[in-house]
PDB file of N, CA and C in Angstrom:
ATOM      1  N   MET A   1       0.848  -1.159   0.000  1.00  0.00           N
ATOM      2  CA  MET A   1       0.000   0.000   0.000  1.00  0.00           C
ATOM      3  C   MET A   1       0.900   1.231   0.000  1.00  0.00           C
ATOM      4  N   GLN A   2       0.553   2.198  -0.800  1.00  0.00           N
ATOM      5  CA  GLN A   2       1.332   3.431  -0.863  1.00  0.00           C
ATOM      6  C   GLN A   2       0.435   4.621  -0.566  1.00  0.00           C
ATOM      7  N   ALA A   3       0.991   5.570   0.129  1.00  0.00           N
ATOM      8  CA  ALA A   3       0.294   6.818   0.423  1.00  0.00           C
ATOM      9  C   ALA A   3       0.838   7.900  -0.499  1.00  0.00           C
ATOM     10  N   PRO A   4       0.076   8.961  -0.666  1.00  0.00           N
ATOM     11  CA  PRO A   4       0.565  10.070  -1.484  1.00  0.00           C
ATOM     12  C   PRO A   4       1.862  10.648  -0.911  1.00  0.00           C
ATOM     13  N   VAL A   5       2.651  11.226  -1.776  1.00  0.00           N
ATOM     14  CA  VAL A   5       3.907  11.855  -1.366  1.00  0.00           C
ATOM     15  C   VAL A   5       3.604  12.910  -0.307  1.00  0.00           C
ATOM     16  N   GLY A   6       4.388  12.899   0.747  1.00  0.00           N
ATOM     17  CA  GLY A   6       4.230  13.900   1.796  1.00  0.00           C
ATOM     18  C   GLY A   6       3.408  13.443   2.986  1.00  0.00           C
ATOM     19  N   VAL A   7       2.725  12.314   2.871  1.00  0.00           N
ATOM     20  CA  VAL A   7       1.929  11.805   3.986  1.00  0.00           C
ATOM     21  C   VAL A   7       2.873  11.147   4.988  1.00  0.00           C
ATOM     22  N   THR A   8       2.728  11.528   6.242  1.00  0.00           N
ATOM     23  CA  THR A   8       3.602  10.993   7.287  1.00  0.00           C
ATOM     24  C   THR A   8       2.890   9.897   8.081  1.00  0.00           C
ATOM     25  N   ASP A   9       3.659   9.177   8.880  1.00  0.00           N
ATOM     26  CA  ASP A   9       3.074   8.170   9.768  1.00  0.00           C
ATOM     27  C   ASP A   9       2.040   8.812  10.688  1.00  0.00           C
ATOM     28  N   THR A  10       2.343   9.995  11.161  1.00  0.00           N
ATOM     29  CA  THR A  10       1.423  10.711  12.044  1.00  0.00           C
ATOM     30  C   THR A  10       0.115  11.013  11.335  1.00  0.00           C
ATOM     31  N   ASP A  11       0.174  11.407  10.071  1.00  0.00           N
ATOM     32  CA  ASP A  11      -1.042  11.664   9.291  1.00  0.00           C
ATOM     33  C   ASP A  11      -1.918  10.417   9.236  1.00  0.00           C
ATOM     34  N   VAL A  12      -1.303   9.280   9.006  1.00  0.00           N
ATOM     35  CA  VAL A  12      -2.046   8.018   8.909  1.00  0.00           C
ATOM     36  C   VAL A  12      -2.691   7.687  10.248  1.00  0.00           C
ATOM     37  N   VAL A  13      -1.958   7.847  11.325  1.00  0.00           N
ATOM     38  CA  VAL A  13      -2.497   7.565  12.657  1.00  0.00           C
ATOM     39  C   VAL A  13      -3.687   8.471  12.955  1.00  0.00           C
ATOM     40  N   VAL A  14      -3.589   9.741  12.623  1.00  0.00           N
ATOM     41  CA  VAL A  14      -4.675  10.692  12.872  1.00  0.00           C
ATOM     42  C   VAL A  14      -5.929  10.288  12.103  1.00  0.00           C
ATOM     43  N   VAL A  15      -5.776   9.921  10.849  1.00  0.00           N
ATOM     44  CA  VAL A  15      -6.923   9.519  10.027  1.00  0.00           C
ATOM     45  C   VAL A  15      -7.552   8.237  10.564  1.00  0.00           C
ATOM     46  N   LEU A  16      -6.729   7.242  10.868  1.00  0.00           N
ATOM     47  CA  LEU A  16      -7.265   5.981  11.390  1.00  0.00           C
ATOM     48  C   LEU A  16      -7.951   6.180  12.734  1.00  0.00           C
ATOM     49  N   GLN A  17      -7.390   7.001  13.594  1.00  0.00           N
ATOM     50  CA  GLN A  17      -8.019   7.253  14.892  1.00  0.00           C
ATOM     51  C   GLN A  17      -9.354   7.960  14.712  1.00  0.00           C
ATOM     52  N   ALA A  18      -9.434   8.894  13.775  1.00  0.00           N
ATOM     53  CA  ALA A  18     -10.698   9.580  13.506  1.00  0.00           C
ATOM     54  C   ALA A  18     -11.762   8.594  13.033  1.00  0.00           C
ATOM     55  N   LEU A  19     -11.382   7.646  12.181  1.00  0.00           N
ATOM     56  CA  LEU A  19     -12.327   6.619  11.736  1.00  0.00           C
ATOM     57  C   LEU A  19     -12.811   5.777  12.906  1.00  0.00           C
ATOM     58  N   LEU A  20     -11.887   5.325  13.732  1.00  0.00           N
ATOM     59  CA  LEU A  20     -12.257   4.501  14.883  1.00  0.00           C
ATOM     60  C   LEU A  20     -13.138   5.264  15.864  1.00  0.00           C
ATOM     61  N   ASP A  21     -12.876   6.541  16.038  1.00  0.00           N
ATOM     62  CA  ASP A  21     -13.657   7.359  16.966  1.00  0.00           C
ATOM     63  C   ASP A  21     -15.098   7.534  16.505  1.00  0.00           C
ATOM     64  N   ARG A  22     -15.341   7.476  15.208  1.00  0.00           N
ATOM     65  CA  ARG A  22     -16.660   7.797  14.668  1.00  0.00           C
ATOM     66  C   ARG A  22     -17.475   6.596  14.197  1.00  0.00           C
ATOM     67  N   HIS A  23     -16.879   5.442  14.071  1.00  0.00           N
ATOM     68  CA  HIS A  23     -17.579   4.285  13.515  1.00  0.00           C
ATOM     69  C   HIS A  23     -17.531   3.116  14.494  1.00  0.00           C
ATOM     70  N   ALA A  24     -18.661   2.879  15.159  1.00  0.00           N
ATOM     71  CA  ALA A  24     -18.739   1.861  16.206  1.00  0.00           C
ATOM     72  C   ALA A  24     -18.367   0.469  15.699  1.00  0.00           C
ATOM     73  N   MET A  25     -18.745   0.113  14.491  1.00  0.00           N
ATOM     74  CA  MET A  25     -18.459  -1.234  13.992  1.00  0.00           C
ATOM     75  C   MET A  25     -16.965  -1.474  13.814  1.00  0.00           C
ATOM     76  N   LEU A  26     -16.198  -0.441  13.612  1.00  0.00           N
ATOM     77  CA  LEU A  26     -14.753  -0.606  13.504  1.00  0.00           C
ATOM     78  C   LEU A  26     -14.117  -0.856  14.869  1.00  0.00           C
ATOM     79  N   ARG A  27     -14.868  -0.519  15.937  1.00  0.00           N
ATOM     80  CA  ARG A  27     -14.377  -0.762  17.293  1.00  0.00           C
ATOM     81  C   ARG A  27     -14.932  -2.053  17.877  1.00  0.00           C
ATOM     82  N   ALA A  28     -15.846  -2.711  17.168  1.00  0.00           N
ATOM     83  CA  ALA A  28     -16.509  -3.907  17.689  1.00  0.00           C
ATOM     84  C   ALA A  28     -15.512  -5.030  17.925  1.00  0.00           C
ATOM     85  N   ARG A  29     -15.786  -5.799  18.957  1.00  0.00           N
ATOM     86  CA  ARG A  29     -14.967  -6.969  19.275  1.00  0.00           C
ATOM     87  C   ARG A  29     -15.876  -8.180  19.348  1.00  0.00           C
ATOM     88  N   VAL A  30     -15.362  -9.303  18.939  1.00  0.00           N
ATOM     89  CA  VAL A  30     -16.075 -10.567  19.064  1.00  0.00           C
ATOM     90  C   VAL A  30     -15.219 -11.458  19.951  1.00  0.00           C
ATOM     91  N   ASP A  31     -15.791 -11.856  21.068  1.00  0.00           N
ATOM     92  CA  ASP A  31     -15.065 -12.719  21.999  1.00  0.00           C
ATOM     93  C   ASP A  31     -15.557 -14.149  21.855  1.00  0.00           C
ATOM     94  N   ASP A  32     -14.635 -15.084  21.848  1.00  0.00           N
ATOM     95  CA  ASP A  32     -14.959 -16.505  21.786  1.00  0.00           C
ATOM     96  C   ASP A  32     -15.227 -16.989  23.205  1.00  0.00           C
ATOM     97  N   ASP A  33     -16.465 -17.433  23.447  1.00  0.00           N
ATOM     98  CA  ASP A  33     -16.805 -17.922  24.783  1.00  0.00           C
ATOM     99  C   ASP A  33     -16.533 -19.411  24.945  1.00  0.00           C
ATOM    100  N   GLY A  34     -16.008 -20.033  23.883  1.00  0.00           N
ATOM    101  CA  GLY A  34     -15.662 -21.441  23.945  1.00  0.00           C
ATOM    102  C   GLY A  34     -16.831 -22.385  23.761  1.00  0.00           C
ATOM    103  N   ALA A  35     -18.028 -21.853  23.515  1.00  0.00           N
ATOM    104  CA  ALA A  35     -19.228 -22.684  23.396  1.00  0.00           C
ATOM    105  C   ALA A  35     -19.389 -23.276  22.003  1.00  0.00           C
ATOM    106  N   GLY A  36     -18.550 -22.915  21.076  1.00  0.00           N
ATOM    107  CA  GLY A  36     -18.669 -23.417  19.710  1.00  0.00           C
ATOM    108  C   GLY A  36     -19.495 -22.487  18.847  1.00  0.00           C
ATOM    109  N   ALA A  37     -19.686 -22.902  17.604  1.00  0.00           N
ATOM    110  CA  ALA A  37     -20.372 -22.057  16.624  1.00  0.00           C
ATOM    111  C   ALA A  37     -21.870 -21.986  16.859  1.00  0.00           C
ATOM    112  N   GLY A  38     -22.452 -22.969  17.481  1.00  0.00           N
ATOM    113  CA  GLY A  38     -23.884 -22.951  17.741  1.00  0.00           C
ATOM    114  C   GLY A  38     -24.735 -23.227  16.526  1.00  0.00           C
ATOM    115  N   CYS A  39     -24.147 -23.771  15.485  1.00  0.00           N
ATOM    116  CA  CYS A  39     -24.899 -24.059  14.266  1.00  0.00           C
ATOM    117  C   CYS A  39     -25.416 -25.471  14.270  1.00  0.00           C
TER     118      CYS A  39
END
């Protein structure tokens, strides 16, 4: 993956953090309770 010329690591972190802050599904976690798939 390539970013445009001039984009810094800090720029990428700021953008990704803004996405995570605003979109609940990107913060969602799925925990395995060990009970199996249940299918």
